[in-house]
């Protein structure tokens, strides 16, 4: 076992907790707020999510710029970045499916996992369906 593995787990836990706290603080755990942002036609558009997304970009941008200058991350041997970078039918189909699901439920994976802490049955149902979809994808699409 890698001697850095326990430290990586602690850093991952802290990063996940910070992410979940940020989602909670910003109101992203409330599907009504997300749907209020996505529903432009209702006449009651909630622009607050745009500020959350903009803030996330402002925070992530220096990290991405730093990552491009580094040869490897601090706690691993290499960066694990996607090798595929072209837009194809699978990417468009997956993006569309993600967007439709987000628009219907008001959740995407990160906020859904964080919202489990609220303990509401619809959240558990959503996460169970999300996990089932991931498992189905792995079995049917990728064959693993």
N, C-alpha and C. Protein backbone atom coordinates (compact mmCIF):
# COMPACT_ATOMS: atom_id res chain seq x y z
N UNK A 1 0.84 -1.18 0.00
CA UNK A 1 0.00 0.00 0.00
C UNK A 1 0.89 1.25 0.00
N UNK A 2 0.52 2.22 -0.79
CA UNK A 2 1.25 3.46 -0.89
C UNK A 2 1.25 4.19 0.44
N UNK A 3 2.38 4.71 0.85
CA UNK A 3 2.47 5.40 2.15
C UNK A 3 1.66 6.68 2.18
N UNK A 4 1.32 7.23 1.00
CA UNK A 4 0.52 8.45 0.94
C UNK A 4 -0.98 8.17 0.91
N UNK A 5 -1.36 6.91 0.80
CA UNK A 5 -2.78 6.56 0.67
C UNK A 5 -3.63 7.10 1.82
N UNK A 6 -3.23 6.97 3.09
CA UNK A 6 -4.06 7.53 4.16
C UNK A 6 -4.19 9.05 4.07
N UNK A 7 -3.11 9.72 3.68
CA UNK A 7 -3.17 11.17 3.54
C UNK A 7 -4.09 11.56 2.38
N UNK A 8 -4.03 10.80 1.30
CA UNK A 8 -4.93 11.08 0.17
C UNK A 8 -6.39 10.90 0.57
N UNK A 9 -6.67 9.89 1.38
CA UNK A 9 -8.04 9.69 1.85
C UNK A 9 -8.51 10.86 2.72
N UNK A 10 -7.64 11.35 3.59
CA UNK A 10 -7.99 12.49 4.45
C UNK A 10 -8.24 13.73 3.59
N UNK A 11 -7.37 13.98 2.61
CA UNK A 11 -7.55 15.14 1.74
C UNK A 11 -8.84 15.00 0.93
N UNK A 12 -9.13 13.80 0.44
CA UNK A 12 -10.37 13.58 -0.31
C UNK A 12 -11.60 13.81 0.58
N UNK A 13 -11.54 13.33 1.82
CA UNK A 13 -12.65 13.55 2.75
C UNK A 13 -12.85 15.03 3.03
N UNK A 14 -11.77 15.75 3.27
CA UNK A 14 -11.87 17.18 3.53
C UNK A 14 -12.39 17.94 2.31
N UNK A 15 -11.91 17.58 1.14
CA UNK A 15 -12.38 18.23 -0.09
C UNK A 15 -13.87 17.95 -0.31
N UNK A 16 -14.29 16.71 -0.10
CA UNK A 16 -15.70 16.37 -0.25
C UNK A 16 -16.57 17.08 0.76
N UNK A 17 -16.10 17.17 2.00
CA UNK A 17 -16.87 17.88 3.03
C UNK A 17 -16.98 19.36 2.70
N UNK A 18 -15.90 19.96 2.22
CA UNK A 18 -15.93 21.37 1.83
C UNK A 18 -16.87 21.58 0.65
N UNK A 19 -16.83 20.67 -0.32
CA UNK A 19 -17.73 20.74 -1.47
C UNK A 19 -19.19 20.64 -1.02
N UNK A 20 -19.48 19.66 -0.18
CA UNK A 20 -20.85 19.49 0.31
C UNK A 20 -21.32 20.70 1.12
N UNK A 21 -20.43 21.25 1.95
CA UNK A 21 -20.78 22.44 2.72
C UNK A 21 -21.08 23.61 1.79
N UNK A 22 -20.25 23.77 0.76
CA UNK A 22 -20.49 24.84 -0.21
C UNK A 22 -21.80 24.68 -0.95
N UNK A 23 -22.14 23.44 -1.31
CA UNK A 23 -23.42 23.19 -1.98
C UNK A 23 -24.58 23.54 -1.06
N UNK A 24 -24.45 23.17 0.20
CA UNK A 24 -25.50 23.46 1.17
C UNK A 24 -25.63 24.96 1.40
N UNK A 25 -24.51 25.62 1.60
CA UNK A 25 -24.50 27.06 1.85
C UNK A 25 -25.08 27.85 0.68
N UNK A 26 -24.82 27.40 -0.53
CA UNK A 26 -25.28 28.11 -1.72
C UNK A 26 -26.73 27.81 -2.08
N UNK A 27 -27.35 26.85 -1.41
CA UNK A 27 -28.74 26.51 -1.72
C UNK A 27 -28.89 25.48 -2.81
N UNK A 28 -27.78 24.87 -3.25
CA UNK A 28 -27.85 23.89 -4.33
C UNK A 28 -28.50 22.58 -3.91
N UNK A 29 -28.71 22.37 -2.61
CA UNK A 29 -29.38 21.14 -2.17
C UNK A 29 -30.90 21.27 -2.26
N UNK A 30 -31.37 22.46 -2.62
CA UNK A 30 -32.81 22.70 -2.75
C UNK A 30 -33.20 22.59 -4.22
N UNK A 31 -33.85 21.49 -4.62
CA UNK A 31 -34.21 21.34 -6.03
C UNK A 31 -35.09 22.47 -6.54
N UNK A 32 -35.88 23.09 -5.67
CA UNK A 32 -36.74 24.19 -6.12
C UNK A 32 -35.90 25.37 -6.60
N UNK A 33 -34.78 25.62 -5.93
CA UNK A 33 -33.91 26.72 -6.36
C UNK A 33 -33.28 26.40 -7.71
N UNK A 34 -32.84 25.16 -7.89
CA UNK A 34 -32.25 24.76 -9.16
C UNK A 34 -33.28 24.84 -10.28
N UNK A 35 -34.48 24.33 -10.02
CA UNK A 35 -35.53 24.39 -11.03
C UNK A 35 -35.94 25.83 -11.31
N UNK A 36 -35.88 26.70 -10.29
CA UNK A 36 -36.17 28.12 -10.49
C UNK A 36 -35.16 28.78 -11.40
N UNK A 37 -33.93 28.31 -11.37
CA UNK A 37 -32.91 28.83 -12.28
C UNK A 37 -33.11 28.30 -13.70
N UNK A 38 -33.47 27.02 -13.82
CA UNK A 38 -33.61 26.40 -15.13
C UNK A 38 -34.89 26.79 -15.85
N UNK A 39 -35.91 27.23 -15.11
CA UNK A 39 -37.21 27.54 -15.70
C UNK A 39 -37.29 29.02 -16.04
N UNK A 40 -36.79 29.37 -17.21
CA UNK A 40 -36.80 30.77 -17.64
C UNK A 40 -38.20 31.25 -18.01
N UNK A 41 -39.07 30.35 -18.42
CA UNK A 41 -40.38 30.74 -18.92
C UNK A 41 -41.39 31.02 -17.83
N UNK A 42 -41.09 30.71 -16.58
CA UNK A 42 -42.08 30.82 -15.51
C UNK A 42 -42.38 32.25 -15.11
N UNK A 43 -41.48 33.17 -15.41
CA UNK A 43 -41.67 34.54 -14.95
C UNK A 43 -41.13 34.77 -13.56
N UNK A 44 -40.65 33.70 -12.90
CA UNK A 44 -40.09 33.78 -11.55
C UNK A 44 -38.68 33.20 -11.56
N UNK A 45 -37.86 33.64 -12.53
CA UNK A 45 -36.52 33.10 -12.69
C UNK A 45 -35.67 33.46 -11.48
N UNK A 46 -34.92 32.49 -10.96
CA UNK A 46 -34.04 32.68 -9.81
C UNK A 46 -32.59 32.70 -10.31
N UNK A 47 -31.96 33.87 -10.40
CA UNK A 47 -30.60 33.96 -10.96
C UNK A 47 -29.50 33.56 -9.98
N UNK A 48 -29.83 33.20 -8.76
CA UNK A 48 -28.80 32.95 -7.75
C UNK A 48 -27.84 31.83 -8.14
N UNK A 49 -28.31 30.84 -8.87
CA UNK A 49 -27.45 29.74 -9.30
C UNK A 49 -26.35 30.24 -10.24
N UNK A 50 -26.63 31.26 -11.03
CA UNK A 50 -25.61 31.81 -11.92
C UNK A 50 -24.44 32.35 -11.11
N UNK A 51 -24.72 32.95 -9.96
CA UNK A 51 -23.65 33.46 -9.11
C UNK A 51 -22.87 32.31 -8.46
N UNK A 52 -23.56 31.25 -8.11
CA UNK A 52 -22.88 30.07 -7.56
C UNK A 52 -21.94 29.48 -8.62
N UNK A 53 -22.43 29.32 -9.83
CA UNK A 53 -21.61 28.77 -10.91
C UNK A 53 -20.44 29.70 -11.24
N UNK A 54 -20.70 30.99 -11.28
CA UNK A 54 -19.62 31.95 -11.54
C UNK A 54 -18.57 31.92 -10.45
N UNK A 55 -19.00 31.82 -9.20
CA UNK A 55 -18.06 31.72 -8.09
C UNK A 55 -17.22 30.46 -8.17
N UNK A 56 -17.84 29.37 -8.59
CA UNK A 56 -17.11 28.11 -8.73
C UNK A 56 -16.03 28.23 -9.81
N UNK A 57 -16.35 28.89 -10.91
CA UNK A 57 -15.37 29.08 -11.97
C UNK A 57 -14.21 29.94 -11.48
N UNK A 58 -14.53 31.00 -10.75
CA UNK A 58 -13.47 31.88 -10.23
C UNK A 58 -12.55 31.15 -9.25
N UNK A 59 -13.09 30.23 -8.48
CA UNK A 59 -12.28 29.45 -7.54
C UNK A 59 -11.47 28.39 -8.28
N UNK A 60 -12.07 27.75 -9.28
CA UNK A 60 -11.40 26.65 -9.99
C UNK A 60 -10.31 27.14 -10.95
N UNK A 61 -10.47 28.32 -11.52
CA UNK A 61 -9.55 28.80 -12.53
C UNK A 61 -8.09 28.85 -12.06
N UNK A 62 -7.78 29.43 -10.89
CA UNK A 62 -6.38 29.40 -10.45
C UNK A 62 -5.85 27.97 -10.25
N UNK A 63 -6.70 27.06 -9.79
CA UNK A 63 -6.27 25.68 -9.62
C UNK A 63 -5.95 25.01 -10.93
N UNK A 64 -6.75 25.27 -11.95
CA UNK A 64 -6.48 24.70 -13.28
C UNK A 64 -5.19 25.29 -13.85
N UNK A 65 -4.99 26.58 -13.67
CA UNK A 65 -3.77 27.21 -14.16
C UNK A 65 -2.54 26.64 -13.45
N UNK A 66 -2.64 26.40 -12.15
CA UNK A 66 -1.54 25.81 -11.39
C UNK A 66 -1.28 24.37 -11.85
N UNK A 67 -2.35 23.61 -12.05
CA UNK A 67 -2.20 22.21 -12.47
C UNK A 67 -1.45 22.13 -13.80
N UNK A 68 -1.67 23.05 -14.68
CA UNK A 68 -1.00 23.01 -15.99
C UNK A 68 0.50 23.28 -15.88
N UNK A 69 0.91 23.91 -14.79
CA UNK A 69 2.34 24.21 -14.59
C UNK A 69 3.07 23.08 -13.84
N UNK A 70 2.31 22.23 -13.17
CA UNK A 70 2.93 21.17 -12.36
C UNK A 70 3.20 19.93 -13.21
N UNK A 71 4.23 19.21 -12.85
CA UNK A 71 4.56 17.96 -13.55
C UNK A 71 3.72 16.80 -13.01
N UNK A 72 3.39 16.88 -11.73
CA UNK A 72 2.57 15.83 -11.10
C UNK A 72 1.90 16.44 -9.88
N UNK A 73 0.80 15.83 -9.42
CA UNK A 73 0.16 16.33 -8.20
C UNK A 73 0.99 16.00 -6.95
N UNK A 74 0.68 16.67 -5.88
CA UNK A 74 1.43 16.50 -4.64
C UNK A 74 1.30 15.08 -4.07
N UNK A 75 0.12 14.48 -4.16
CA UNK A 75 -0.12 13.20 -3.51
C UNK A 75 -0.34 12.04 -4.48
N UNK A 76 0.16 12.17 -5.70
CA UNK A 76 0.03 11.07 -6.66
C UNK A 76 1.19 11.13 -7.64
N UNK A 77 1.34 10.08 -8.44
CA UNK A 77 2.45 10.01 -9.39
C UNK A 77 2.17 10.78 -10.68
N UNK A 78 0.88 10.95 -11.02
CA UNK A 78 0.54 11.66 -12.25
C UNK A 78 -0.88 12.20 -12.14
N UNK A 79 -1.19 13.14 -13.02
CA UNK A 79 -2.56 13.64 -13.12
C UNK A 79 -3.37 12.64 -13.92
N UNK A 80 -4.61 12.44 -13.54
CA UNK A 80 -5.49 11.50 -14.23
C UNK A 80 -6.53 12.32 -14.99
N UNK A 81 -6.14 12.78 -16.17
CA UNK A 81 -6.99 13.63 -16.99
C UNK A 81 -7.56 12.82 -18.15
N UNK A 82 -8.73 13.22 -18.63
CA UNK A 82 -9.32 12.49 -19.76
C UNK A 82 -8.40 12.57 -20.99
N UNK A 83 -8.27 11.46 -21.68
CA UNK A 83 -7.47 11.44 -22.89
C UNK A 83 -8.28 11.84 -24.11
N UNK A 84 -9.57 11.59 -24.05
CA UNK A 84 -10.45 11.90 -25.17
C UNK A 84 -10.89 13.36 -25.05
N UNK A 85 -10.80 14.12 -26.13
CA UNK A 85 -11.19 15.52 -26.05
C UNK A 85 -12.04 16.00 -27.23
N UNK A 86 -12.54 15.07 -28.03
CA UNK A 86 -13.40 15.48 -29.12
C UNK A 86 -14.88 15.36 -28.72
N UNK A 87 -15.70 16.15 -29.36
CA UNK A 87 -17.14 16.11 -29.12
C UNK A 87 -17.73 15.10 -30.10
N UNK A 88 -18.39 14.09 -29.56
CA UNK A 88 -18.99 13.07 -30.41
C UNK A 88 -20.44 12.82 -29.99
N UNK A 89 -21.07 11.89 -30.64
CA UNK A 89 -22.48 11.59 -30.37
C UNK A 89 -22.73 11.11 -28.96
N UNK A 90 -21.82 10.30 -28.43
CA UNK A 90 -21.98 9.79 -27.06
C UNK A 90 -21.92 10.93 -26.05
N UNK A 91 -21.01 11.87 -26.25
CA UNK A 91 -20.91 13.02 -25.35
C UNK A 91 -22.18 13.86 -25.43
N UNK A 92 -22.66 14.12 -26.63
CA UNK A 92 -23.88 14.92 -26.79
C UNK A 92 -25.10 14.21 -26.19
N UNK A 93 -25.19 12.90 -26.41
CA UNK A 93 -26.32 12.14 -25.84
C UNK A 93 -26.26 12.14 -24.31
N UNK A 94 -25.08 11.90 -23.76
CA UNK A 94 -24.92 11.91 -22.31
C UNK A 94 -25.21 13.27 -21.71
N UNK A 95 -24.74 14.32 -22.37
CA UNK A 95 -24.99 15.68 -21.89
C UNK A 95 -26.48 16.00 -21.91
N UNK A 96 -27.14 15.58 -22.96
CA UNK A 96 -28.58 15.81 -23.08
C UNK A 96 -29.33 15.06 -21.98
N UNK A 97 -28.97 13.80 -21.77
CA UNK A 97 -29.61 13.01 -20.74
C UNK A 97 -29.38 13.63 -19.35
N UNK A 98 -28.16 14.08 -19.10
CA UNK A 98 -27.84 14.74 -17.83
C UNK A 98 -28.71 16.00 -17.66
N UNK A 99 -28.78 16.81 -18.70
CA UNK A 99 -29.56 18.05 -18.63
C UNK A 99 -31.05 17.80 -18.41
N UNK A 100 -31.59 16.81 -19.09
CA UNK A 100 -33.00 16.47 -18.91
C UNK A 100 -33.25 16.00 -17.48
N UNK A 101 -32.38 15.13 -16.99
CA UNK A 101 -32.52 14.65 -15.62
C UNK A 101 -32.40 15.76 -14.60
N UNK A 102 -31.46 16.67 -14.82
CA UNK A 102 -31.27 17.81 -13.92
C UNK A 102 -32.51 18.71 -13.94
N UNK A 103 -33.05 18.92 -15.14
CA UNK A 103 -34.24 19.77 -15.27
C UNK A 103 -35.48 19.14 -14.66
N UNK A 104 -35.61 17.83 -14.75
CA UNK A 104 -36.78 17.16 -14.19
C UNK A 104 -36.72 17.03 -12.67
N UNK A 105 -35.53 16.71 -12.15
CA UNK A 105 -35.41 16.41 -10.72
C UNK A 105 -34.86 17.58 -9.90
N UNK A 106 -34.11 18.48 -10.54
CA UNK A 106 -33.49 19.57 -9.80
C UNK A 106 -32.23 19.15 -9.08
N UNK A 107 -31.73 17.97 -9.38
CA UNK A 107 -30.50 17.47 -8.76
C UNK A 107 -29.53 17.05 -9.84
N UNK A 108 -28.25 17.22 -9.56
CA UNK A 108 -27.20 16.56 -10.31
C UNK A 108 -26.41 15.75 -9.28
N UNK A 109 -25.48 14.91 -9.69
CA UNK A 109 -24.89 13.96 -8.75
C UNK A 109 -24.29 14.55 -7.46
N UNK A 110 -23.49 15.60 -7.56
CA UNK A 110 -22.86 16.16 -6.35
C UNK A 110 -23.87 16.63 -5.31
N UNK A 111 -24.77 17.52 -5.69
CA UNK A 111 -25.78 17.95 -4.73
C UNK A 111 -26.69 16.82 -4.24
N UNK A 112 -26.95 15.83 -5.09
CA UNK A 112 -27.79 14.71 -4.65
C UNK A 112 -27.11 13.93 -3.53
N UNK A 113 -25.82 13.66 -3.69
CA UNK A 113 -25.09 12.94 -2.64
C UNK A 113 -25.07 13.77 -1.36
N UNK A 114 -24.82 15.07 -1.49
CA UNK A 114 -24.81 15.94 -0.31
C UNK A 114 -26.18 16.01 0.33
N UNK A 115 -27.24 16.00 -0.48
CA UNK A 115 -28.60 16.11 0.05
C UNK A 115 -29.05 14.85 0.79
N UNK A 116 -28.31 13.76 0.67
CA UNK A 116 -28.63 12.57 1.46
C UNK A 116 -28.63 12.91 2.95
N UNK A 117 -27.84 13.90 3.34
CA UNK A 117 -27.76 14.28 4.75
C UNK A 117 -29.08 14.87 5.26
N UNK A 118 -29.93 15.31 4.35
CA UNK A 118 -31.23 15.85 4.75
C UNK A 118 -32.17 14.73 5.18
N UNK A 119 -31.99 13.55 4.58
CA UNK A 119 -32.77 12.38 4.98
C UNK A 119 -34.15 12.28 4.37
N UNK A 120 -34.40 12.98 3.25
CA UNK A 120 -35.72 12.91 2.62
C UNK A 120 -35.79 11.74 1.64
N UNK A 121 -36.94 11.06 1.63
CA UNK A 121 -37.11 9.88 0.78
C UNK A 121 -36.88 10.18 -0.70
N UNK A 122 -37.40 11.29 -1.27
CA UNK A 122 -37.16 11.54 -2.70
C UNK A 122 -35.67 11.65 -3.04
N UNK A 123 -34.86 12.14 -2.12
CA UNK A 123 -33.43 12.23 -2.36
C UNK A 123 -32.83 10.83 -2.43
N UNK A 124 -33.21 9.96 -1.48
CA UNK A 124 -32.72 8.58 -1.50
C UNK A 124 -33.16 7.87 -2.78
N UNK A 125 -34.39 8.12 -3.20
CA UNK A 125 -34.91 7.52 -4.43
C UNK A 125 -34.11 7.99 -5.64
N UNK A 126 -33.82 9.29 -5.70
CA UNK A 126 -33.03 9.84 -6.80
C UNK A 126 -31.64 9.21 -6.84
N UNK A 127 -30.97 9.15 -5.68
CA UNK A 127 -29.61 8.60 -5.64
C UNK A 127 -29.63 7.12 -6.00
N UNK A 128 -30.63 6.38 -5.54
CA UNK A 128 -30.73 4.96 -5.90
C UNK A 128 -30.90 4.81 -7.41
N UNK A 129 -31.74 5.64 -8.02
CA UNK A 129 -31.94 5.58 -9.47
C UNK A 129 -30.66 5.97 -10.20
N UNK A 130 -29.94 6.96 -9.66
CA UNK A 130 -28.69 7.39 -10.26
C UNK A 130 -27.66 6.26 -10.22
N UNK A 131 -27.53 5.59 -9.08
CA UNK A 131 -26.59 4.48 -8.95
C UNK A 131 -26.99 3.33 -9.88
N UNK A 132 -28.29 3.05 -9.95
CA UNK A 132 -28.76 1.99 -10.86
C UNK A 132 -28.42 2.33 -12.30
N UNK A 133 -28.60 3.59 -12.68
CA UNK A 133 -28.25 4.02 -14.04
C UNK A 133 -26.76 3.87 -14.32
N UNK A 134 -25.93 4.20 -13.32
CA UNK A 134 -24.48 4.04 -13.49
C UNK A 134 -24.10 2.58 -13.66
N UNK A 135 -24.72 1.72 -12.84
CA UNK A 135 -24.44 0.28 -12.93
C UNK A 135 -24.91 -0.28 -14.27
N UNK A 136 -26.08 0.15 -14.72
CA UNK A 136 -26.60 -0.29 -16.01
C UNK A 136 -25.66 0.15 -17.13
N UNK A 137 -25.19 1.38 -17.06
CA UNK A 137 -24.25 1.87 -18.06
C UNK A 137 -22.98 1.00 -18.08
N UNK A 138 -22.45 0.71 -16.90
CA UNK A 138 -21.23 -0.10 -16.84
C UNK A 138 -21.45 -1.50 -17.42
N UNK A 139 -22.62 -2.08 -17.18
CA UNK A 139 -22.89 -3.45 -17.64
C UNK A 139 -23.22 -3.48 -19.13
N UNK A 140 -24.07 -2.54 -19.57
CA UNK A 140 -24.59 -2.60 -20.94
C UNK A 140 -23.68 -1.86 -21.92
N UNK A 141 -23.29 -0.65 -21.59
CA UNK A 141 -22.54 0.18 -22.53
C UNK A 141 -21.06 -0.20 -22.57
N UNK A 142 -20.43 -0.27 -21.41
CA UNK A 142 -19.00 -0.54 -21.39
C UNK A 142 -18.67 -2.01 -21.22
N UNK A 143 -19.63 -2.82 -20.76
CA UNK A 143 -19.42 -4.24 -20.62
C UNK A 143 -18.50 -4.66 -19.50
N UNK A 144 -18.37 -3.81 -18.46
CA UNK A 144 -17.50 -4.18 -17.34
C UNK A 144 -18.28 -4.75 -16.18
